[in-house]
C-alpha atoms as a PDB file:
ATOM      1  CA  MET A   1      92.344 122.480  73.560  1.00  0.00           C
ATOM      2  CA  ALA A   2      93.848 122.209  70.130  1.00  0.00           C
ATOM      3  CA  MET A   3      94.718 118.614  70.930  1.00  0.00           C
ATOM      4  CA  GLN A   4      91.140 117.587  70.336  1.00  0.00           C
ATOM      5  CA  SER A   5      91.336 118.615  66.688  1.00  0.00           C
ATOM      6  CA  TYR A   6      92.983 115.338  65.701  1.00  0.00           C
ATOM      7  CA  LYS A   7      91.186 113.033  68.123  1.00  0.00           C
ATOM      8  CA  SER A   8      89.969 110.592  65.465  1.00  0.00           C
ATOM      9  CA  ASN A   9      93.184 110.428  63.468  1.00  0.00           C
ATOM     10  CA  ASN A  10      95.867 110.433  66.149  1.00  0.00           C
ATOM     11  CA  LYS A  11      97.888 107.234  66.281  1.00  0.00           C
ATOM     12  CA  LYS A  12      97.365 105.903  69.773  1.00  0.00           C
ATOM     13  CA  ILE A  13     100.323 104.200  71.376  1.00  0.00           C
ATOM     14  CA  LEU A  14      99.092 100.638  71.691  1.00  0.00           C
ATOM     15  CA  LEU A  15      99.930  98.130  74.414  1.00  0.00           C
ATOM     16  CA  GLY A  16     101.882  95.878  72.093  1.00  0.00           C
ATOM     17  CA  GLN A  17     103.768  98.651  70.326  1.00  0.00           C
ATOM     18  CA  ASP A  18     107.553  98.802  70.532  1.00  0.00           C
ATOM     19  CA  ASN A  19     109.105 101.400  72.843  1.00  0.00           C
ATOM     20  CA  ASN A  20     105.887 102.011  74.760  1.00  0.00           C
ATOM     21  CA  SER A  21     107.187 103.883  77.796  1.00  0.00           C
ATOM     22  CA  LEU A  22     104.044 103.408  79.883  1.00  0.00           C
ATOM     23  CA  VAL A  23     103.986  99.648  79.384  1.00  0.00           C
ATOM     24  CA  PHE A  24     107.728  99.506  80.096  1.00  0.00           C
ATOM     25  CA  LEU A  25     107.245 101.251  83.458  1.00  0.00           C
ATOM     26  CA  PHE A  26     104.380  98.910  84.286  1.00  0.00           C
ATOM     27  CA  ALA A  27     106.482  95.882  83.389  1.00  0.00           C
ATOM     28  CA  VAL A  28     109.468  96.992  85.481  1.00  0.00           C
ATOM     29  CA  ASN A  29     107.337  97.708  88.560  1.00  0.00           C
ATOM     30  CA  MET A  30     105.385  94.472  88.210  1.00  0.00           C
ATOM     31  CA  LEU A  31     108.538  92.427  87.673  1.00  0.00           C
ATOM     32  CA  MET A  32     110.183  93.853  90.787  1.00  0.00           C
ATOM     33  CA  PHE A  33     107.021  93.165  92.804  1.00  0.00           C
ATOM     34  CA  VAL A  34     106.907  89.536  91.626  1.00  0.00           C
ATOM     35  CA  ILE A  35     110.619  88.998  92.346  1.00  0.00           C
ATOM     36  CA  VAL A  36     110.449  90.511  95.843  1.00  0.00           C
ATOM     37  CA  ASN A  37     107.353  88.546  96.822  1.00  0.00           C
ATOM     38  CA  PHE A  38     108.672  85.324  95.307  1.00  0.00           C
ATOM     39  CA  ILE A  39     111.749  85.649  97.517  1.00  0.00           C
ATOM     40  CA  LYS A  40     109.482  86.350 100.485  1.00  0.00           C
ATOM     41  CA  ILE A  41     107.550  83.137  99.774  1.00  0.00           C
ATOM     42  CA  VAL A  42     110.814  81.199  99.630  1.00  0.00           C
ATOM     43  CA  TYR A  43     111.763  82.604 103.037  1.00  0.00           C
ATOM     44  CA  TYR A  44     108.327  81.689 104.375  1.00  0.00           C
ATOM     45  CA  LEU A  45     108.446  78.105 103.054  1.00  0.00           C
ATOM     46  CA  SER A  46     111.935  77.766 104.483  1.00  0.00           C
ATOM     47  CA  GLU A  47     110.539  78.834 107.868  1.00  0.00           C
ATOM     48  CA  ILE A  48     112.931  81.768 108.019  1.00  0.00           C
ATOM     49  CA  PRO A  49     111.594  84.603 110.203  1.00  0.00           C
ATOM     50  CA  ASP A  50     110.217  87.648 108.365  1.00  0.00           C
ATOM     51  CA  GLU A  51     112.783  89.933 109.980  1.00  0.00           C
ATOM     52  CA  PHE A  52     115.519  88.192 107.998  1.00  0.00           C
ATOM     53  CA  PHE A  53     113.671  88.843 104.747  1.00  0.00           C
ATOM     54  CA  TYR A  54     113.366  92.543 105.553  1.00  0.00           C
ATOM     55  CA  ARG A  55     116.981  92.826 106.653  1.00  0.00           C
ATOM     56  CA  GLN A  56     118.576  90.674 103.930  1.00  0.00           C
ATOM     57  CA  VAL A  57     116.376  91.554 100.924  1.00  0.00           C
ATOM     58  CA  LEU A  58     113.951  94.454 101.236  1.00  0.00           C
ATOM     59  CA  ASN A  59     116.328  96.805 103.027  1.00  0.00           C
ATOM     60  CA  TRP A  60     118.800  96.441 100.156  1.00  0.00           C
ATOM     61  CA  LEU A  61     116.184  97.758  97.723  1.00  0.00           C
ATOM     62  CA  SER A  62     114.676 100.496  99.935  1.00  0.00           C
ATOM     63  CA  LEU A  63     116.156 103.964 100.348  1.00  0.00           C
ATOM     64  CA  PRO A  64     117.486 104.340 103.917  1.00  0.00           C
ATOM     65  CA  ALA A  65     117.000 107.607 105.778  1.00  0.00           C
ATOM     66  CA  GLN A  66     120.510 107.466 107.239  1.00  0.00           C
ATOM     67  CA  THR A  67     123.159 109.073 105.016  1.00  0.00           C
ATOM     68  CA  ASP A  68     125.932 106.667 105.967  1.00  0.00           C
ATOM     69  CA  VAL A  69     123.760 103.664 105.134  1.00  0.00           C
ATOM     70  CA  PHE A  70     122.715 105.228 101.819  1.00  0.00           C
ATOM     71  CA  LEU A  71     126.341 105.812 100.803  1.00  0.00           C
ATOM     72  CA  SER A  72     126.929 102.080 101.149  1.00  0.00           C
ATOM     73  CA  ARG A  73     123.828 101.359  98.999  1.00  0.00           C
ATOM     74  CA  PRO A  74     123.694 104.103  96.344  1.00  0.00           C
ATOM     75  CA  TRP A  75     121.659 101.959  93.932  1.00  0.00           C
ATOM     76  CA  THR A  76     118.653 102.364  96.237  1.00  0.00           C
ATOM     77  CA  LEU A  77     118.188 105.834  94.723  1.00  0.00           C
ATOM     78  CA  ILE A  78     116.824 103.983  91.658  1.00  0.00           C
ATOM     79  CA  SER A  79     115.630 100.657  93.072  1.00  0.00           C
ATOM     80  CA  ALA A  80     113.345 102.332  95.635  1.00  0.00           C
ATOM     81  CA  MET A  81     111.238 104.014  92.937  1.00  0.00           C
ATOM     82  CA  ILE A  82     110.438 100.742  91.128  1.00  0.00           C
ATOM     83  CA  THR A  83     109.974  98.437  94.114  1.00  0.00           C
ATOM     84  CA  HIS A  84     106.712  97.808  95.996  1.00  0.00           C
ATOM     85  CA  HIS A  85     106.200  95.388  98.851  1.00  0.00           C
ATOM     86  CA  SER A  86     102.482  95.844  99.518  1.00  0.00           C
ATOM     87  CA  VAL A  87     100.004  94.808  96.822  1.00  0.00           C
ATOM     88  CA  TRP A  88      97.787  97.793  97.676  1.00  0.00           C
ATOM     89  CA  GLN A  89     100.709 100.171  97.335  1.00  0.00           C
ATOM     90  CA  LEU A  90     101.447  98.678  93.919  1.00  0.00           C
ATOM     91  CA  ILE A  91      97.828  98.878  92.729  1.00  0.00           C
ATOM     92  CA  SER A  92      97.466 102.487  93.870  1.00  0.00           C
ATOM     93  CA  SER A  93     100.716 103.592  92.216  1.00  0.00           C
ATOM     94  CA  MET A  94      99.986 101.796  88.939  1.00  0.00           C
ATOM     95  CA  LEU A  95      96.406 103.083  88.667  1.00  0.00           C
ATOM     96  CA  TRP A  96      97.507 106.702  89.056  1.00  0.00           C
ATOM     97  CA  LEU A  97     100.487 106.096  86.790  1.00  0.00           C
ATOM     98  CA  TRP A  98      98.143 104.808  84.100  1.00  0.00           C
ATOM     99  CA  CYS A  99      95.698 107.696  84.589  1.00  0.00           C
ATOM    100  CA  PHE A 100      98.266 110.473  84.186  1.00  0.00           C
ATOM    101  CA  GLY A 101     100.955 108.622  82.222  1.00  0.00           C
ATOM    102  CA  PHE A 102      98.604 107.695  79.391  1.00  0.00           C
ATOM    103  CA  ILE A 103      97.570 111.314  78.900  1.00  0.00           C
ATOM    104  CA  LEU A 104     101.135 112.638  79.111  1.00  0.00           C
ATOM    105  CA  GLN A 105     102.377 110.058  76.630  1.00  0.00           C
ATOM    106  CA  ASP A 106      99.485 110.779  74.281  1.00  0.00           C
ATOM    107  CA  LEU A 107      99.990 114.562  74.287  1.00  0.00           C
ATOM    108  CA  ALA A 108     103.742 115.031  74.749  1.00  0.00           C
ATOM    109  CA  GLY A 109     105.082 111.990  72.914  1.00  0.00           C
ATOM    110  CA  ASN A 110     106.517 108.647  73.894  1.00  0.00           C
ATOM    111  CA  ASN A 111     109.912 109.893  75.085  1.00  0.00           C
ATOM    112  CA  LYS A 112     108.839 112.227  77.921  1.00  0.00           C
ATOM    113  CA  LEU A 113     107.234 109.808  80.372  1.00  0.00           C
ATOM    114  CA  ILE A 114     110.290 107.889  81.596  1.00  0.00           C
ATOM    115  CA  PRO A 115     112.465 111.019  82.111  1.00  0.00           C
ATOM    116  CA  VAL A 116     109.719 112.658  84.202  1.00  0.00           C
ATOM    117  CA  TYR A 117     109.325 109.416  86.180  1.00  0.00           C
ATOM    118  CA  ILE A 118     113.070 109.200  86.879  1.00  0.00           C
ATOM    119  CA  TYR A 119     113.453 112.904  87.710  1.00  0.00           C
ATOM    120  CA  GLY A 120     110.478 112.713  90.073  1.00  0.00           C
ATOM    121  CA  GLY A 121     111.688 109.554  91.779  1.00  0.00           C
ATOM    122  CA  ILE A 122     115.235 110.836  92.296  1.00  0.00           C
ATOM    123  CA  THR A 123     114.044 114.262  93.470  1.00  0.00           C
ATOM    124  CA  GLY A 124     111.680 112.661  95.975  1.00  0.00           C
ATOM    125  CA  SER A 125     114.410 110.355  97.271  1.00  0.00           C
ATOM    126  CA  LEU A 126     116.984 113.134  97.669  1.00  0.00           C
ATOM    127  CA  SER A 127     114.425 115.353  99.420  1.00  0.00           C
ATOM    128  CA  PHE A 128     113.625 112.475 101.785  1.00  0.00           C
ATOM    129  CA  LEU A 129     117.325 112.109 102.618  1.00  0.00           C
ATOM    130  CA  LEU A 130     117.963 115.823 103.057  1.00  0.00           C
ATOM    131  CA  MET A 131     114.900 116.431 105.221  1.00  0.00           C
ATOM    132  CA  ASN A 132     115.713 113.576 107.575  1.00  0.00           C
ATOM    133  CA  ASN A 133     119.362 114.570 107.969  1.00  0.00           C
ATOM    134  CA  LEU A 134     119.326 118.378 107.872  1.00  0.00           C
ATOM    135  CA  VAL A 135     116.130 119.290 109.742  1.00  0.00           C
ATOM    136  CA  PRO A 136     117.026 119.057 113.445  1.00  0.00           C
ATOM    137  CA  VAL A 137     113.652 117.722 114.612  1.00  0.00           C
ATOM    138  CA  LEU A 138     113.822 114.859 112.111  1.00  0.00           C
ATOM    139  CA  ALA A 139     117.567 114.285 112.333  1.00  0.00           C
ATOM    140  CA  ASN A 140     117.317 113.501 116.058  1.00  0.00           C
ATOM    141  CA  ASN A 141     115.096 110.533 115.231  1.00  0.00           C
ATOM    142  CA  VAL A 142     116.622 109.484 111.892  1.00  0.00           C
ATOM    143  CA  GLN A 143     117.708 106.073 113.192  1.00  0.00           C
ATOM    144  CA  ASN A 144     114.058 105.107 113.697  1.00  0.00           C
ATOM    145  CA  VAL A 145     112.795 106.279 110.297  1.00  0.00           C
ATOM    146  CA  SER A 146     111.558 103.510 107.992  1.00  0.00           C
ATOM    147  CA  PRO A 147     113.235 103.250 104.560  1.00  0.00           C
ATOM    148  CA  LEU A 148     111.531 104.788 101.534  1.00  0.00           C
ATOM    149  CA  LEU A 149     109.901 102.426  99.062  1.00  0.00           C
ATOM    150  CA  GLY A 150     107.526 102.852  96.123  1.00  0.00           C
ATOM    151  CA  ALA A 151     106.810 105.014  93.080  1.00  0.00           C
ATOM    152  CA  GLY A 152     104.896 107.736  94.959  1.00  0.00           C
ATOM    153  CA  SER A 153     107.269 110.604  94.122  1.00  0.00           C
ATOM    154  CA  ALA A 154     107.649 109.536  90.503  1.00  0.00           C
ATOM    155  CA  VAL A 155     103.877 109.343  90.006  1.00  0.00           C
ATOM    156  CA  MET A 156     103.437 112.746  91.656  1.00  0.00           C
ATOM    157  CA  ALA A 157     105.894 114.263  89.170  1.00  0.00           C
ATOM    158  CA  ILE A 158     103.979 112.717  86.251  1.00  0.00           C
ATOM    159  CA  ALA A 159     100.632 113.931  87.628  1.00  0.00           C
ATOM    160  CA  VAL A 160     101.815 117.541  87.985  1.00  0.00           C
ATOM    161  CA  ALA A 161     103.637 117.470  84.633  1.00  0.00           C
ATOM    162  CA  THR A 162     100.523 116.221  82.843  1.00  0.00           C
ATOM    163  CA  THR A 163      98.305 118.802  84.507  1.00  0.00           C
ATOM    164  CA  THR A 164     100.759 121.597  83.716  1.00  0.00           C
ATOM    165  CA  LEU A 165     100.756 120.545  80.071  1.00  0.00           C
ATOM    166  CA  ALA A 166      96.975 120.244  79.697  1.00  0.00           C
ATOM    167  CA  PRO A 167      95.009 121.405  82.792  1.00  0.00           C
ATOM    168  CA  ASP A 168      91.710 121.548  80.881  1.00  0.00           C
ATOM    169  CA  TYR A 169      92.067 118.103  79.310  1.00  0.00           C
ATOM    170  CA  ARG A 170      88.713 116.363  79.759  1.00  0.00           C
ATOM    171  CA  VAL A 171      88.448 112.968  81.444  1.00  0.00           C
ATOM    172  CA  PHE A 172      85.233 110.888  81.254  1.00  0.00           C
ATOM    173  CA  PRO A 173      83.688 113.047  78.483  1.00  0.00           C
ATOM    174  CA  LEU A 174      80.277 111.357  78.836  1.00  0.00           C
ATOM    175  CA  ILE A 175      79.837 112.936  82.286  1.00  0.00           C
ATOM    176  CA  ASN A 176      78.540 116.426  81.567  1.00  0.00           C
ATOM    177  CA  GLY A 177      81.187 117.086  78.913  1.00  0.00           C
ATOM    178  CA  GLY A 178      84.031 115.639  80.948  1.00  0.00           C
ATOM    179  CA  ILE A 179      85.923 116.374  84.158  1.00  0.00           C
ATOM    180  CA  PRO A 180      88.916 118.768  83.831  1.00  0.00           C
ATOM    181  CA  LEU A 181      92.228 117.086  84.512  1.00  0.00           C
ATOM    182  CA  TRP A 182      93.129 119.625  87.212  1.00  0.00           C
ATOM    183  CA  VAL A 183      90.160 118.384  89.268  1.00  0.00           C
ATOM    184  CA  ILE A 184      91.424 114.787  89.052  1.00  0.00           C
ATOM    185  CA  THR A 185      94.866 116.011  90.103  1.00  0.00           C
ATOM    186  CA  LEU A 186      93.458 117.806  93.152  1.00  0.00           C
ATOM    187  CA  ILE A 187      91.717 114.589  94.178  1.00  0.00           C
ATOM    188  CA  PHE A 188      94.946 112.627  93.691  1.00  0.00           C
ATOM    189  CA  VAL A 189      97.012 115.113  95.719  1.00  0.00           C
ATOM    190  CA  ALA A 190      94.420 115.172  98.511  1.00  0.00           C
ATOM    191  CA  ILE A 191      94.367 111.374  98.739  1.00  0.00           C
ATOM    192  CA  ASP A 192      98.151 111.193  98.538  1.00  0.00           C
ATOM    193  CA  PHE A 193      98.847 113.627 101.357  1.00  0.00           C
ATOM    194  CA  ALA A 194      96.012 112.258 103.490  1.00  0.00           C
ATOM    195  CA  THR A 195      97.679 108.863 103.211  1.00  0.00           C
ATOM    196  CA  LEU A 196     101.036 110.376 104.152  1.00  0.00           C
ATOM    197  CA  ALA A 197      99.654 112.323 107.140  1.00  0.00           C
ATOM    198  CA  SER A 198     100.928 109.776 109.645  1.00  0.00           C
ATOM    199  CA  SER A 199     104.174 109.093 107.781  1.00  0.00           C
ATOM    200  CA  ASN A 200     107.599 110.672 108.050  1.00  0.00           C
ATOM    201  CA  ALA A 201     107.626 114.352 107.017  1.00  0.00           C
ATOM    202  CA  GLY A 202     110.493 113.643 104.643  1.00  0.00           C
ATOM    203  CA  ILE A 203     108.188 111.579 102.430  1.00  0.00           C
ATOM    204  CA  GLY A 204     105.708 114.442 102.132  1.00  0.00           C
ATOM    205  CA  ALA A 205     108.535 116.839 101.296  1.00  0.00           C
ATOM    206  CA  GLY A 206     109.745 114.394  98.653  1.00  0.00           C
ATOM    207  CA  HIS A 207     106.324 114.335  96.998  1.00  0.00           C
ATOM    208  CA  LEU A 208     106.146 118.142  97.040  1.00  0.00           C
ATOM    209  CA  MET A 209     109.554 118.494  95.410  1.00  0.00           C
ATOM    210  CA  ALA A 210     108.742 115.769  92.880  1.00  0.00           C
ATOM    211  CA  GLY A 211     105.615 117.698  91.896  1.00  0.00           C
ATOM    212  CA  LEU A 212     107.738 120.835  91.489  1.00  0.00           C
ATOM    213  CA  ILE A 213     110.191 119.033  89.208  1.00  0.00           C
ATOM    214  CA  GLY A 214     107.284 117.804  87.067  1.00  0.00           C
ATOM    215  CA  TYR A 215     106.037 121.374  86.737  1.00  0.00           C
ATOM    216  CA  LEU A 216     109.500 122.706  85.836  1.00  0.00           C
ATOM    217  CA  TYR A 217     110.043 119.934  83.292  1.00  0.00           C
ATOM    218  CA  ILE A 218     107.000 121.012  81.284  1.00  0.00           C
ATOM    219  CA  ARG A 219     107.826 124.706  81.619  1.00  0.00           C
ATOM    220  CA  GLN A 220     111.293 124.075  80.212  1.00  0.00           C
ATOM    221  CA  MET A 221     109.906 121.853  77.473  1.00  0.00           C
ATOM    222  CA  ARG A 222     107.648 124.675  76.318  1.00  0.00           C
ATOM    223  CA  ARG A 223     110.717 126.903  76.096  1.00  0.00           C
ATOM    224  CA  GLY A 224     112.400 124.385  73.821  1.00  0.00           C
ATOM    225  CA  SER A 225     114.630 122.740  76.440  1.00  0.00           C
ATOM    226  CA  ASP A 226     114.062 119.001  76.838  1.00  0.00           C
ATOM    227  CA  TRP A 227     115.560 117.832  80.140  1.00  0.00           C
ATOM    228  CA  GLY A 228     115.013 114.229  79.121  1.00  0.00           C
ATOM    229  CA  ALA A 229     116.869 114.378  75.800  1.00  0.00           C
ATOM    230  CA  TRP A 230     120.130 113.043  77.288  1.00  0.00           C
ATOM    231  CA  MET A 231     118.274 110.083  78.801  1.00  0.00           C
ATOM    232  CA  ASN A 232     116.729 109.197  75.460  1.00  0.00           C
ATOM    233  CA  ARG A 233     120.104 109.498  73.726  1.00  0.00           C
ATOM    234  CA  PHE A 234     121.664 107.260  76.382  1.00  0.00           C
ATOM    235  CA  ALA A 235     118.863 104.698  75.943  1.00  0.00           C
ATOM    236  CA  GLN A 236     119.399 104.726  72.178  1.00  0.00           C
ATOM    237  CA  TRP A 237     123.142 104.282  72.699  1.00  0.00           C
ATOM    238  CA  LEU A 238     122.512 101.241  74.890  1.00  0.00           C
ATOM    239  CA  ASP A 239     120.047  99.856  72.354  1.00  0.00           C
ATOM    240  CA  ASP A 240     122.595 100.336  69.575  1.00  0.00           C
ATOM    241  CA  LEU A 241     125.269  98.695  71.720  1.00  0.00           C
ATOM    242  CA  PHE A 242     123.300  95.512  72.393  1.00  0.00           C
ATOM    243  CA  ASN A 243     121.300  95.473  69.139  1.00  0.00           C
ATOM    244  CA  PRO A 244     123.710  96.656  66.418  1.00  0.00           C
ATOM    245  CA  GLU A 245     121.412  95.363  63.676  1.00  0.00           C
ATOM    246  CA  LYS A 246     118.750  97.873  64.830  1.00  0.00           C
ATOM    247  CA  LYS A 247     121.112 100.839  65.028  1.00  0.00           C
ATOM    248  CA  HIS A 248     119.345 104.207  65.190  1.00  0.00           C
ATOM    249  CA  LYS A 249     119.906 106.516  62.295  1.00  0.00           C
ATOM    250  CA  LYS A 250     120.584 110.137  63.110  1.00  0.00           C
ATOM    251  CA  GLN A 251     117.868 112.139  61.475  1.00  0.00           C
ATOM    252  CA  SER A 252     116.849 115.739  61.902  1.00  0.00           C
ATOM    253  CA  SER A 253     113.249 116.517  62.664  1.00  0.00           C
ATOM    254  CA  SER A 254     112.860 118.317  59.351  1.00  0.00           C
ATOM    255  CA  SER A 255     113.870 115.232  57.386  1.00  0.00           C
ATOM    256  CA  ARG A 256     110.830 113.416  58.695  1.00  0.00           C
ATOM    257  CA  HIS A 257     108.403 115.730  56.884  1.00  0.00           C
ATOM    258  CA  PHE A 258     107.023 114.654  53.541  1.00  0.00           C
ATOM    259  CA  TYR A 259     108.227 117.766  51.762  1.00  0.00           C
ATOM    260  CA  LYS A 260     111.814 116.951  52.795  1.00  0.00           C
ATOM    261  CA  THR A 261     111.856 113.402  51.452  1.00  0.00           C
ATOM    262  CA  GLU A 262     114.627 112.321  49.118  1.00  0.00           C
ATOM    263  CA  THR A 263     112.243 111.221  46.369  1.00  0.00           C
ATOM    264  CA  ARG A 264     112.098 113.188  43.153  1.00  0.00           C
ATOM    265  CA  PRO A 265     109.458 115.971  43.203  1.00  0.00           C
ATOM    266  CA  PHE A 266     107.943 114.831  39.906  1.00  0.00           C
ATOM    267  CA  GLU A 267     107.516 111.223  41.037  1.00  0.00           C
ATOM    268  CA  LYS A 268     103.847 110.360  41.385  1.00  0.00           C
ATOM    269  CA  LYS A 269     102.815 108.939  44.740  1.00  0.00           C
ATOM    270  CA  ALA A 270      99.556 107.200  45.498  1.00  0.00           C
ATOM    271  CA  ASN A 271      97.584 108.445  48.509  1.00  0.00           C
ATOM    272  CA  LEU A 272     100.002 111.344  49.128  1.00  0.00           C
ATOM    273  CA  THR A 273      97.747 113.074  51.689  1.00  0.00           C
ATOM    274  CA  GLN A 274      97.590 109.964  53.888  1.00  0.00           C
ATOM    275  CA  GLN A 275     101.371 109.685  53.859  1.00  0.00           C
ATOM    276  CA  ARG A 276     101.762 113.276  54.973  1.00  0.00           C
ATOM    277  CA  LEU A 277      99.206 112.767  57.739  1.00  0.00           C
ATOM    278  CA  ASP A 278     101.114 109.714  58.938  1.00  0.00           C
ATOM    279  CA  GLU A 279     104.349 111.725  59.034  1.00  0.00           C
ATOM    280  CA  ILE A 280     102.726 114.406  61.193  1.00  0.00           C
ATOM    281  CA  LEU A 281     101.181 111.850  63.549  1.00  0.00           C
ATOM    282  CA  ASP A 282     104.545 110.139  63.904  1.00  0.00           C
ATOM    283  CA  LYS A 283     106.069 113.485  64.831  1.00  0.00           C
ATOM    284  CA  ILE A 284     103.388 113.972  67.509  1.00  0.00           C
ATOM    285  CA  ASN A 285     104.066 110.481  68.835  1.00  0.00           C
ATOM    286  CA  GLN A 286     107.806 111.079  69.147  1.00  0.00           C
ATOM    287  CA  GLN A 287     108.026 114.784  70.049  1.00  0.00           C
ATOM    288  CA  GLY A 288     104.578 115.971  71.113  1.00  0.00           C
ATOM    289  CA  TYR A 289     101.919 118.222  69.608  1.00  0.00           C
ATOM    290  CA  GLN A 290     103.577 121.481  70.700  1.00  0.00           C
ATOM    291  CA  PHE A 291     106.526 120.864  68.344  1.00  0.00           C
ATOM    292  CA  LEU A 292     104.341 120.995  65.212  1.00  0.00           C
ATOM    293  CA  THR A 293     104.634 124.001  62.917  1.00  0.00           C
ATOM    294  CA  ASP A 294     101.626 126.224  62.308  1.00  0.00           C
ATOM    295  CA  GLU A 295     101.240 124.706  58.836  1.00  0.00           C
ATOM    296  CA  GLU A 296     101.232 121.180  60.266  1.00  0.00           C
ATOM    297  CA  LYS A 297      98.664 122.103  62.910  1.00  0.00           C
ATOM    298  CA  ALA A 298      96.440 123.631  60.229  1.00  0.00           C
ATOM    299  CA  PHE A 299      96.775 120.523  58.067  1.00  0.00           C
ATOM    300  CA  LEU A 300      95.942 118.296  61.049  1.00  0.00           C
ATOM    301  CA  LYS A 301      92.880 120.332  61.912  1.00  0.00           C
ATOM    302  CA  ARG A 302      91.682 120.189  58.316  1.00  0.00           C
ATOM    303  CA  ALA A 303      92.323 116.444  58.122  1.00  0.00           C
ATOM    304  CA  SER A 304      90.199 115.836  61.222  1.00  0.00           C
ATOM    305  CA  THR A 305      87.127 117.184  59.435  1.00  0.00           C
ATOM    306  CA  GLU A 306      87.748 115.487  56.099  1.00  0.00           C
ATOM    307  CA  ASP A 307      88.233 111.922  54.944  1.00  0.00           C
ATOM    308  CA  VAL A 308      91.901 111.510  54.071  1.00  0.00           C
END
């Protein structure tokens, strides 16, 4: 892939860096897990039966299969995708999220991961609801269906989106040149659906539809349509609202290139080539490699073989 042409110069998104979407998703999921289990410990120390914890706490965060119950708890459409009760469920979701999310963030930019996660989670939840209420075989038993909980659908969307973007991306390059990403995805899907074999069919349908939405997201992105743009604008609006001193400046993509700077053309700049390289790498970080112009890709490829 052309992505490998800038492997030594690409600015990796570090753990401590601001606006790191992957770390943000990890933090939210971990925080919800700690809060839920802390409350469970309080119930246990207070000698309150477990059934009260499930009824009074966990059920208010899980997505119910019954439509009437869901309409009284609409927030569960979001809370279910960031809440885990079992430590093994959390570990599994976070490991796969890291595996695919890191690659997607590295190749497509920092502002694609959260939209794909949200689209996948909501699609999986809605599919779970529709399957259990519209399919006669499932609808007859909907009262006995356990609520939906966990990031499974969201992670599935990220896995398929990442594989659609770069199916031949190599993982573990020291093993015979690396394992293609599509192979890792097949393993993930096989494990995922084997785990769901004994579960409600609505969950499996949710994961299938979440994978489809991840695929469509990347297909639309390649056509120049970013389904997550409105989410990023909304997040910036909220950030501006609560942090007015850090207000975002509206800036076109072209104004971020070195040749569009406002400095005078005859002004001498030290280390000009490094500055231009940094501008291109920043563009990759924010928008993704596919949004570079042919000239920028050529410059990046040349810079990877020369000392800048």
